[in-house]
Amino acid sequence: MGSVEPVFANLRHNKGLRRFTLRGQTKVDAQFKLFCLVHNIDKLAKAGYGPR
C-alpha cells in the first residue's frame, strides 16, 4: 500500500508549489492538475520512458 505524502512533498519542495498563484476554483484546479502532470512526466522519465 502506497502513500500520497511523497507526491505532495515533491510538489512542495522540488517543484516549488507553496501557494497557488491564480484565483478561483477552476483556475486553481487547472494549476494543480498541471503540477501533477509535471510530476507524472518526471516519474516516467526517471523510469526510462521517452526518447532513447
PDB file of N, CA and C in Angstrom:
ATOM      1  N   MET A   1       0.842  -1.177   0.000  1.00  0.00           N
ATOM      2  CA  MET A   1       0.000   0.000   0.000  1.00  0.00           C
ATOM      3  C   MET A   1       0.888   1.242   0.000  1.00  0.00           C
ATOM      4  N   GLY A   2       0.599   2.171  -0.891  1.00  0.00           N
ATOM      5  CA  GLY A   2       1.414   3.375  -1.015  1.00  0.00           C
ATOM      6  C   GLY A   2       0.840   4.546  -0.244  1.00  0.00           C
ATOM      7  N   SER A   3       1.598   5.578  -0.190  1.00  0.00           N
ATOM      8  CA  SER A   3       1.199   6.788   0.494  1.00  0.00           C
ATOM      9  C   SER A   3       1.263   7.953  -0.485  1.00  0.00           C
ATOM     10  N   VAL A   4       0.353   8.912  -0.363  1.00  0.00           N
ATOM     11  CA  VAL A   4       0.347  10.063  -1.262  1.00  0.00           C
ATOM     12  C   VAL A   4       1.208  11.204  -0.745  1.00  0.00           C
ATOM     13  N   GLU A   5       1.713  11.097   0.466  1.00  0.00           N
ATOM     14  CA  GLU A   5       2.501  12.188   1.028  1.00  0.00           C
ATOM     15  C   GLU A   5       3.765  12.499   0.230  1.00  0.00           C
ATOM     16  N   PRO A   6       4.491  11.514  -0.329  1.00  0.00           N
ATOM     17  CA  PRO A   6       5.664  11.873  -1.128  1.00  0.00           C
ATOM     18  C   PRO A   6       5.328  12.724  -2.345  1.00  0.00           C
ATOM     19  N   VAL A   7       4.145  12.546  -2.907  1.00  0.00           N
ATOM     20  CA  VAL A   7       3.741  13.366  -4.056  1.00  0.00           C
ATOM     21  C   VAL A   7       3.615  14.819  -3.643  1.00  0.00           C
ATOM     22  N   PHE A   8       2.936  15.077  -2.530  1.00  0.00           N
ATOM     23  CA  PHE A   8       2.772  16.451  -2.070  1.00  0.00           C
ATOM     24  C   PHE A   8       4.105  17.051  -1.627  1.00  0.00           C
ATOM     25  N   ALA A   9       4.958  16.242  -1.033  1.00  0.00           N
ATOM     26  CA  ALA A   9       6.278  16.737  -0.637  1.00  0.00           C
ATOM     27  C   ALA A   9       7.100  17.106  -1.864  1.00  0.00           C
ATOM     28  N   ASN A  10       7.033  16.296  -2.912  1.00  0.00           N
ATOM     29  CA  ASN A  10       7.768  16.593  -4.142  1.00  0.00           C
ATOM     30  C   ASN A  10       7.235  17.869  -4.788  1.00  0.00           C
ATOM     31  N   LEU A  11       5.924  18.013  -4.823  1.00  0.00           N
ATOM     32  CA  LEU A  11       5.346  19.218  -5.414  1.00  0.00           C
ATOM     33  C   LEU A  11       5.725  20.454  -4.624  1.00  0.00           C
ATOM     34  N   ARG A  12       5.768  20.327  -3.318  1.00  0.00           N
ATOM     35  CA  ARG A  12       6.056  21.497  -2.500  1.00  0.00           C
ATOM     36  C   ARG A  12       7.535  21.867  -2.510  1.00  0.00           C
ATOM     37  N   HIS A  13       8.400  20.901  -2.267  1.00  0.00           N
ATOM     38  CA  HIS A  13       9.809  21.223  -2.085  1.00  0.00           C
ATOM     39  C   HIS A  13      10.598  21.230  -3.395  1.00  0.00           C
ATOM     40  N   ASN A  14      10.351  20.298  -4.276  1.00  0.00           N
ATOM     41  CA  ASN A  14      11.136  20.211  -5.504  1.00  0.00           C
ATOM     42  C   ASN A  14      10.557  21.037  -6.647  1.00  0.00           C
ATOM     43  N   LYS A  15       9.241  21.112  -6.730  1.00  0.00           N
ATOM     44  CA  LYS A  15       8.608  21.839  -7.831  1.00  0.00           C
ATOM     45  C   LYS A  15       8.231  23.269  -7.451  1.00  0.00           C
ATOM     46  N   GLY A  16       8.243  23.592  -6.174  1.00  0.00           N
ATOM     47  CA  GLY A  16       8.002  24.966  -5.738  1.00  0.00           C
ATOM     48  C   GLY A  16       6.544  25.367  -5.619  1.00  0.00           C
ATOM     49  N   LEU A  17       5.639  24.408  -5.422  1.00  0.00           N
ATOM     50  CA  LEU A  17       4.227  24.733  -5.270  1.00  0.00           C
ATOM     51  C   LEU A  17       3.936  24.969  -3.791  1.00  0.00           C
ATOM     52  N   ARG A  18       4.218  26.173  -3.321  1.00  0.00           N
ATOM     53  CA  ARG A  18       3.950  26.505  -1.932  1.00  0.00           C
ATOM     54  C   ARG A  18       2.580  27.171  -1.789  1.00  0.00           C
ATOM     55  N   ARG A  19       2.194  27.961  -2.773  1.00  0.00           N
ATOM     56  CA  ARG A  19       0.845  28.518  -2.830  1.00  0.00           C
ATOM     57  C   ARG A  19       0.431  28.662  -4.287  1.00  0.00           C
ATOM     58  N   PHE A  20      -0.844  28.729  -4.478  1.00  0.00           N
ATOM     59  CA  PHE A  20      -1.360  28.877  -5.825  1.00  0.00           C
ATOM     60  C   PHE A  20      -1.271  30.335  -6.240  1.00  0.00           C
ATOM     61  N   THR A  21      -0.896  30.571  -7.486  1.00  0.00           N
ATOM     62  CA  THR A  21      -0.716  31.931  -7.975  1.00  0.00           C
ATOM     63  C   THR A  21      -1.960  32.469  -8.655  1.00  0.00           C
ATOM     64  N   LEU A  22      -2.935  31.604  -8.893  1.00  0.00           N
ATOM     65  CA  LEU A  22      -4.163  32.029  -9.559  1.00  0.00           C
ATOM     66  C   LEU A  22      -5.302  32.090  -8.552  1.00  0.00           C
ATOM     67  N   ARG A  23      -6.380  32.771  -8.937  1.00  0.00           N
ATOM     68  CA  ARG A  23      -7.538  32.895  -8.066  1.00  0.00           C
ATOM     69  C   ARG A  23      -8.738  32.251  -8.732  1.00  0.00           C
ATOM     70  N   GLY A  24      -9.571  31.630  -7.929  1.00  0.00           N
ATOM     71  CA  GLY A  24     -10.764  30.973  -8.436  1.00  0.00           C
ATOM     72  C   GLY A  24     -10.587  29.465  -8.444  1.00  0.00           C
ATOM     73  N   GLN A  25     -11.671  28.770  -8.167  1.00  0.00           N
ATOM     74  CA  GLN A  25     -11.611  27.309  -8.030  1.00  0.00           C
ATOM     75  C   GLN A  25     -11.173  26.624  -9.315  1.00  0.00           C
ATOM     76  N   THR A  26     -11.693  27.042 -10.454  1.00  0.00           N
ATOM     77  CA  THR A  26     -11.349  26.362 -11.710  1.00  0.00           C
ATOM     78  C   THR A  26      -9.898  26.615 -12.096  1.00  0.00           C
ATOM     79  N   LYS A  27      -9.405  27.817 -11.847  1.00  0.00           N
ATOM     80  CA  LYS A  27      -8.013  28.130 -12.184  1.00  0.00           C
ATOM     81  C   LYS A  27      -7.044  27.408 -11.255  1.00  0.00           C
ATOM     82  N   VAL A  28      -7.374  27.343  -9.965  1.00  0.00           N
ATOM     83  CA  VAL A  28      -6.533  26.620  -9.009  1.00  0.00           C
ATOM     84  C   VAL A  28      -6.529  25.134  -9.346  1.00  0.00           C
ATOM     85  N   ASP A  29      -7.678  24.590  -9.715  1.00  0.00           N
ATOM     86  CA  ASP A  29      -7.771  23.187 -10.106  1.00  0.00           C
ATOM     87  C   ASP A  29      -6.912  22.907 -11.330  1.00  0.00           C
ATOM     88  N   ALA A  30      -6.945  23.802 -12.303  1.00  0.00           N
ATOM     89  CA  ALA A  30      -6.122  23.635 -13.506  1.00  0.00           C
ATOM     90  C   ALA A  30      -4.635  23.717 -13.171  1.00  0.00           C
ATOM     91  N   GLN A  31      -4.253  24.641 -12.296  1.00  0.00           N
ATOM     92  CA  GLN A  31      -2.854  24.779 -11.910  1.00  0.00           C
ATOM     93  C   GLN A  31      -2.374  23.535 -11.160  1.00  0.00           C
ATOM     94  N   PHE A  32      -3.206  22.994 -10.277  1.00  0.00           N
ATOM     95  CA  PHE A  32      -2.825  21.794  -9.534  1.00  0.00           C
ATOM     96  C   PHE A  32      -2.689  20.592 -10.478  1.00  0.00           C
ATOM     97  N   LYS A  33      -3.606  20.470 -11.431  1.00  0.00           N
ATOM     98  CA  LYS A  33      -3.523  19.383 -12.406  1.00  0.00           C
ATOM     99  C   LYS A  33      -2.268  19.508 -13.261  1.00  0.00           C
ATOM    100  N   LEU A  34      -1.868  20.729 -13.593  1.00  0.00           N
ATOM    101  CA  LEU A  34      -0.644  20.942 -14.358  1.00  0.00           C
ATOM    102  C   LEU A  34       0.578  20.496 -13.561  1.00  0.00           C
ATOM    103  N   PHE A  35       0.629  20.829 -12.277  1.00  0.00           N
ATOM    104  CA  PHE A  35       1.737  20.383 -11.436  1.00  0.00           C
ATOM    105  C   PHE A  35       1.752  18.865 -11.310  1.00  0.00           C
ATOM    106  N   CYS A  36       0.578  18.244 -11.200  1.00  0.00           N
ATOM    107  CA  CYS A  36       0.511  16.777 -11.135  1.00  0.00           C
ATOM    108  C   CYS A  36       0.970  16.148 -12.444  1.00  0.00           C
ATOM    109  N   LEU A  37       0.638  16.773 -13.570  1.00  0.00           N
ATOM    110  CA  LEU A  37       1.094  16.287 -14.869  1.00  0.00           C
ATOM    111  C   LEU A  37       2.616  16.333 -14.961  1.00  0.00           C
ATOM    112  N   VAL A  38       3.203  17.426 -14.499  1.00  0.00           N
ATOM    113  CA  VAL A  38       4.668  17.552 -14.492  1.00  0.00           C
ATOM    114  C   VAL A  38       5.282  16.480 -13.597  1.00  0.00           C
ATOM    115  N   HIS A  39       4.665  16.227 -12.461  1.00  0.00           N
ATOM    116  CA  HIS A  39       5.162  15.199 -11.543  1.00  0.00           C
ATOM    117  C   HIS A  39       5.142  13.820 -12.208  1.00  0.00           C
ATOM    118  N   ASN A  40       4.040  13.502 -12.894  1.00  0.00           N
ATOM    119  CA  ASN A  40       3.930  12.199 -13.543  1.00  0.00           C
ATOM    120  C   ASN A  40       4.882  12.056 -14.723  1.00  0.00           C
ATOM    121  N   ILE A  41       5.091  13.113 -15.485  1.00  0.00           N
ATOM    122  CA  ILE A  41       6.053  13.068 -16.588  1.00  0.00           C
ATOM    123  C   ILE A  41       7.460  12.858 -16.049  1.00  0.00           C
ATOM    124  N   ASP A  42       7.773  13.510 -14.942  1.00  0.00           N
ATOM    125  CA  ASP A  42       9.084  13.331 -14.309  1.00  0.00           C
ATOM    126  C   ASP A  42       9.281  11.891 -13.847  1.00  0.00           C
ATOM    127  N   LYS A  43       8.226  11.281 -13.275  1.00  0.00           N
ATOM    128  CA  LYS A  43       8.313   9.880 -12.852  1.00  0.00           C
ATOM    129  C   LYS A  43       8.535   8.956 -14.042  1.00  0.00           C
ATOM    130  N   LEU A  44       7.846   9.211 -15.146  1.00  0.00           N
ATOM    131  CA  LEU A  44       8.019   8.390 -16.344  1.00  0.00           C
ATOM    132  C   LEU A  44       9.429   8.542 -16.926  1.00  0.00           C
ATOM    133  N   ALA A  45       9.940   9.753 -16.909  1.00  0.00           N
ATOM    134  CA  ALA A  45      11.286   9.994 -17.435  1.00  0.00           C
ATOM    135  C   ALA A  45      12.334   9.271 -16.589  1.00  0.00           C
ATOM    136  N   LYS A  46      12.164   9.264 -15.286  1.00  0.00           N
ATOM    137  CA  LYS A  46      13.115   8.581 -14.416  1.00  0.00           C
ATOM    138  C   LYS A  46      13.003   7.070 -14.544  1.00  0.00           C
ATOM    139  N   ALA A  47      11.824   6.572 -14.952  1.00  0.00           N
ATOM    140  CA  ALA A  47      11.615   5.125 -15.118  1.00  0.00           C
ATOM    141  C   ALA A  47      12.155   4.620 -16.450  1.00  0.00           C
ATOM    142  N   GLY A  48      12.570   5.521 -17.322  1.00  0.00           N
ATOM    143  CA  GLY A  48      13.167   5.102 -18.575  1.00  0.00           C
ATOM    144  C   GLY A  48      12.286   5.234 -19.802  1.00  0.00           C
ATOM    145  N   TYR A  49      11.094   5.790 -19.655  1.00  0.00           N
ATOM    146  CA  TYR A  49      10.229   6.016 -20.794  1.00  0.00           C
ATOM    147  C   TYR A  49      10.659   7.284 -21.500  1.00  0.00           C
ATOM    148  N   GLY A  50      10.380   7.366 -22.788  1.00  0.00           N
ATOM    149  CA  GLY A  50      10.707   8.565 -23.549  1.00  0.00           C
ATOM    150  C   GLY A  50      11.718   8.280 -24.619  1.00  0.00           C
ATOM    151  N   PRO A  51      12.225   9.317 -25.254  1.00  0.00           N
ATOM    152  CA  PRO A  51      13.179   9.128 -26.365  1.00  0.00           C
ATOM    153  C   PRO A  51      14.477   8.504 -25.881  1.00  0.00           C
ATOM    154  N   ARG A  52      15.020   7.663 -26.722  1.00  0.00           N
ATOM    155  CA  ARG A  52      16.250   6.968 -26.347  1.00  0.00           C
ATOM    156  C   ARG A  52      17.414   7.443 -27.144  1.00  0.00           C
TER     157      ARG A  52
END
